[in-house]
Amino acid sequence: MKIIAGSTSKGGHYSPAIASHGMLYISGQLPIDHATGKLAAGGAAEQTRTALENLERVLTAAGVTKESVVLCRVYVPDVALWDEVNAAYAAFFGEHKPARVIVPTNALHHGALVEIEAAAELEEG
């Protein structure tokens, strides 16, 4: 097992990602602006883009690309955000379509409109 660096909260007791048995398990990425450390401005689409950029930072730190992602779990505080989130998600992944679930939840940390976790292959298989 290897801990991978990337975007993380200074207060949370977790690793941004763990590499284990050829897989990379990425902790939930919030739409926190990497430069400011604050919640990204804008609505669900903008926050989804920022969360996915943070996800990509972790993938890059592990030496893989978004095409290695096999599963995403997307958490939203309201299922009414589905269309906006889906559009930004589709634009990010393009032709690559990982397995995915969108889970309506209660309020997310910092008032975020989205949080995204993922699993990616470290080795082609």
C-alpha atoms as a PDB file:
ATOM      1  CA  MET A   1       0.000   0.000   0.000  1.00  0.00           C
ATOM      2  CA  LYS A   2       1.298   3.426  -0.957  1.00  0.00           C
ATOM      3  CA  ILE A   3      -0.126   6.833  -0.022  1.00  0.00           C
ATOM      4  CA  ILE A   4      -0.361   9.260  -2.943  1.00  0.00           C
ATOM      5  CA  ALA A   5      -0.105  13.024  -2.406  1.00  0.00           C
ATOM      6  CA  GLY A   6      -2.615  15.459  -3.839  1.00  0.00           C
ATOM      7  CA  SER A   7      -5.377  17.789  -2.711  1.00  0.00           C
ATOM      8  CA  THR A   8      -6.302  17.184   0.922  1.00  0.00           C
ATOM      9  CA  SER A   9      -7.774  18.948   3.905  1.00  0.00           C
ATOM     10  CA  LYS A  10      -5.367  19.884   6.661  1.00  0.00           C
ATOM     11  CA  GLY A  11      -7.961  18.818   9.239  1.00  0.00           C
ATOM     12  CA  GLY A  12      -9.140  15.518   7.797  1.00  0.00           C
ATOM     13  CA  HIS A  13      -7.819  12.135   8.911  1.00  0.00           C
ATOM     14  CA  TYR A  14      -7.431  10.521   5.491  1.00  0.00           C
ATOM     15  CA  SER A  15      -5.078  10.106   2.544  1.00  0.00           C
ATOM     16  CA  PRO A  16      -5.794  11.796  -0.784  1.00  0.00           C
ATOM     17  CA  ALA A  17      -5.313   8.402  -2.426  1.00  0.00           C
ATOM     18  CA  ILE A  18      -4.061   4.921  -1.675  1.00  0.00           C
ATOM     19  CA  ALA A  19      -2.414   2.664  -4.252  1.00  0.00           C
ATOM     20  CA  SER A  20      -3.072  -0.998  -3.527  1.00  0.00           C
ATOM     21  CA  HIS A  21      -2.909  -4.146  -5.671  1.00  0.00           C
ATOM     22  CA  GLY A  22      -2.774  -2.276  -8.986  1.00  0.00           C
ATOM     23  CA  MET A  23      -5.608   0.089  -8.120  1.00  0.00           C
ATOM     24  CA  LEU A  24      -5.733   3.705  -6.988  1.00  0.00           C
ATOM     25  CA  TYR A  25      -8.496   4.622  -4.533  1.00  0.00           C
ATOM     26  CA  ILE A  26      -9.043   8.384  -4.474  1.00  0.00           C
ATOM     27  CA  SER A  27     -10.736  10.075  -1.523  1.00  0.00           C
ATOM     28  CA  GLY A  28     -13.638  12.427  -2.138  1.00  0.00           C
ATOM     29  CA  GLN A  29     -12.520  15.607  -3.849  1.00  0.00           C
ATOM     30  CA  LEU A  30     -14.388  18.773  -2.981  1.00  0.00           C
ATOM     31  CA  PRO A  31     -14.517  21.831  -5.246  1.00  0.00           C
ATOM     32  CA  ILE A  32     -11.847  23.653  -3.275  1.00  0.00           C
ATOM     33  CA  ASP A  33      -9.838  26.060  -5.415  1.00  0.00           C
ATOM     34  CA  HIS A  34      -6.234  24.829  -5.326  1.00  0.00           C
ATOM     35  CA  ALA A  35      -4.804  28.377  -5.461  1.00  0.00           C
ATOM     36  CA  THR A  36      -6.971  29.970  -2.741  1.00  0.00           C
ATOM     37  CA  GLY A  37      -7.943  27.027  -0.550  1.00  0.00           C
ATOM     38  CA  LYS A  38     -11.551  28.236  -0.674  1.00  0.00           C
ATOM     39  CA  LEU A  39     -14.740  26.788  -2.107  1.00  0.00           C
ATOM     40  CA  ALA A  40     -14.883  27.440  -5.853  1.00  0.00           C
ATOM     41  CA  ALA A  41     -17.228  30.216  -6.897  1.00  0.00           C
ATOM     42  CA  GLY A  42     -20.223  29.481  -9.075  1.00  0.00           C
ATOM     43  CA  GLY A  43     -22.886  26.852  -9.331  1.00  0.00           C
ATOM     44  CA  ALA A  44     -22.843  23.080  -9.619  1.00  0.00           C
ATOM     45  CA  ALA A  45     -21.187  23.028 -13.068  1.00  0.00           C
ATOM     46  CA  GLU A  46     -18.273  25.216 -11.977  1.00  0.00           C
ATOM     47  CA  GLN A  47     -17.870  23.310  -8.720  1.00  0.00           C
ATOM     48  CA  THR A  48     -17.927  19.982 -10.578  1.00  0.00           C
ATOM     49  CA  ARG A  49     -15.147  21.204 -12.883  1.00  0.00           C
ATOM     50  CA  THR A  50     -13.053  22.237  -9.869  1.00  0.00           C
ATOM     51  CA  ALA A  51     -13.628  18.927  -8.046  1.00  0.00           C
ATOM     52  CA  LEU A  52     -12.618  17.049 -11.217  1.00  0.00           C
ATOM     53  CA  GLU A  53      -9.492  19.221 -11.573  1.00  0.00           C
ATOM     54  CA  ASN A  54      -8.607  18.235  -7.999  1.00  0.00           C
ATOM     55  CA  LEU A  55      -9.231  14.585  -8.888  1.00  0.00           C
ATOM     56  CA  GLU A  56      -6.918  14.982 -11.866  1.00  0.00           C
ATOM     57  CA  ARG A  57      -4.187  16.410  -9.591  1.00  0.00           C
ATOM     58  CA  VAL A  58      -4.267  13.206  -7.556  1.00  0.00           C
ATOM     59  CA  LEU A  59      -4.259  11.045 -10.704  1.00  0.00           C
ATOM     60  CA  THR A  60      -1.252  12.969 -12.029  1.00  0.00           C
ATOM     61  CA  ALA A  61       0.596  12.556  -8.715  1.00  0.00           C
ATOM     62  CA  ALA A  62       0.050   8.797  -9.092  1.00  0.00           C
ATOM     63  CA  GLY A  63       1.322   8.836 -12.679  1.00  0.00           C
ATOM     64  CA  VAL A  64      -1.977   8.020 -14.403  1.00  0.00           C
ATOM     65  CA  THR A  65      -4.572   9.902 -16.444  1.00  0.00           C
ATOM     66  CA  LYS A  66      -8.324  10.289 -16.246  1.00  0.00           C
ATOM     67  CA  GLU A  67      -8.624   7.466 -18.789  1.00  0.00           C
ATOM     68  CA  SER A  68      -7.461   5.117 -16.014  1.00  0.00           C
ATOM     69  CA  VAL A  69     -10.544   5.903 -13.912  1.00  0.00           C
ATOM     70  CA  VAL A  70     -12.901   2.923 -13.738  1.00  0.00           C
ATOM     71  CA  LEU A  71     -15.434   4.170 -11.168  1.00  0.00           C
ATOM     72  CA  CYS A  72     -16.655   7.496  -9.790  1.00  0.00           C
ATOM     73  CA  ARG A  73     -19.042   8.216  -6.958  1.00  0.00           C
ATOM     74  CA  VAL A  74     -20.495  11.699  -7.165  1.00  0.00           C
ATOM     75  CA  TYR A  75     -22.248  13.136  -4.118  1.00  0.00           C
ATOM     76  CA  VAL A  76     -24.663  16.073  -4.441  1.00  0.00           C
ATOM     77  CA  PRO A  77     -26.824  17.730  -1.770  1.00  0.00           C
ATOM     78  CA  ASP A  78     -29.809  17.830  -4.138  1.00  0.00           C
ATOM     79  CA  VAL A  79     -30.690  15.493  -7.027  1.00  0.00           C
ATOM     80  CA  ALA A  80     -31.951  18.580  -8.893  1.00  0.00           C
ATOM     81  CA  LEU A  81     -28.261  19.350  -9.607  1.00  0.00           C
ATOM     82  CA  TRP A  82     -27.919  16.123 -11.655  1.00  0.00           C
ATOM     83  CA  ASP A  83     -28.114  17.756 -15.122  1.00  0.00           C
ATOM     84  CA  GLU A  84     -25.512  20.437 -14.347  1.00  0.00           C
ATOM     85  CA  VAL A  85     -23.155  17.957 -12.719  1.00  0.00           C
ATOM     86  CA  ASN A  86     -23.618  15.402 -15.489  1.00  0.00           C
ATOM     87  CA  ALA A  87     -22.832  17.967 -18.217  1.00  0.00           C
ATOM     88  CA  ALA A  88     -19.580  19.107 -16.537  1.00  0.00           C
ATOM     89  CA  TYR A  89     -18.621  15.490 -15.791  1.00  0.00           C
ATOM     90  CA  ALA A  90     -19.233  14.452 -19.432  1.00  0.00           C
ATOM     91  CA  ALA A  91     -17.168  17.391 -20.713  1.00  0.00           C
ATOM     92  CA  PHE A  92     -14.268  16.384 -18.436  1.00  0.00           C
ATOM     93  CA  PHE A  93     -14.226  12.680 -19.331  1.00  0.00           C
ATOM     94  CA  GLY A  94     -15.195  13.032 -23.013  1.00  0.00           C
ATOM     95  CA  GLU A  95     -15.410   9.656 -24.752  1.00  0.00           C
ATOM     96  CA  HIS A  96     -14.157   7.817 -21.645  1.00  0.00           C
ATOM     97  CA  LYS A  97     -17.125   6.650 -19.554  1.00  0.00           C
ATOM     98  CA  PRO A  98     -16.182   5.200 -16.162  1.00  0.00           C
ATOM     99  CA  ALA A  99     -18.846   3.384 -14.155  1.00  0.00           C
ATOM    100  CA  ARG A 100     -20.588   5.991 -12.018  1.00  0.00           C
ATOM    101  CA  VAL A 101     -23.215   6.640  -9.400  1.00  0.00           C
ATOM    102  CA  ILE A 102     -24.632  10.010  -8.388  1.00  0.00           C
ATOM    103  CA  VAL A 103     -25.746   9.947  -4.758  1.00  0.00           C
ATOM    104  CA  PRO A 104     -28.076  12.605  -3.361  1.00  0.00           C
ATOM    105  CA  THR A 105     -27.000  13.382   0.212  1.00  0.00           C
ATOM    106  CA  ASN A 106     -27.553  15.926   2.908  1.00  0.00           C
ATOM    107  CA  ALA A 107     -25.375  19.026   3.014  1.00  0.00           C
ATOM    108  CA  LEU A 108     -21.737  18.549   1.963  1.00  0.00           C
ATOM    109  CA  HIS A 109     -18.707  19.955   3.804  1.00  0.00           C
ATOM    110  CA  HIS A 110     -18.102  23.707   3.341  1.00  0.00           C
ATOM    111  CA  GLY A 111     -21.490  24.011   1.602  1.00  0.00           C
ATOM    112  CA  ALA A 112     -20.115  22.355  -1.532  1.00  0.00           C
ATOM    113  CA  LEU A 113     -22.517  21.339  -4.296  1.00  0.00           C
ATOM    114  CA  VAL A 114     -20.499  18.243  -5.265  1.00  0.00           C
ATOM    115  CA  GLU A 115     -17.890  15.798  -3.969  1.00  0.00           C
ATOM    116  CA  ILE A 116     -16.279  13.170  -6.197  1.00  0.00           C
ATOM    117  CA  GLU A 117     -14.385  10.005  -5.266  1.00  0.00           C
ATOM    118  CA  ALA A 118     -12.895   7.549  -7.740  1.00  0.00           C
ATOM    119  CA  ALA A 119     -11.035   4.317  -8.351  1.00  0.00           C
ATOM    120  CA  ALA A 120      -8.476   4.026 -11.141  1.00  0.00           C
ATOM    121  CA  GLU A 121      -6.274   1.293 -12.544  1.00  0.00           C
ATOM    122  CA  LEU A 122      -2.556   1.820 -12.043  1.00  0.00           C
ATOM    123  CA  GLU A 123      -1.700  -0.851 -14.572  1.00  0.00           C
ATOM    124  CA  GLU A 124      -3.405  -1.558 -17.853  1.00  0.00           C
ATOM    125  CA  GLY A 125      -5.381  -4.706 -17.538  1.00  0.00           C
END
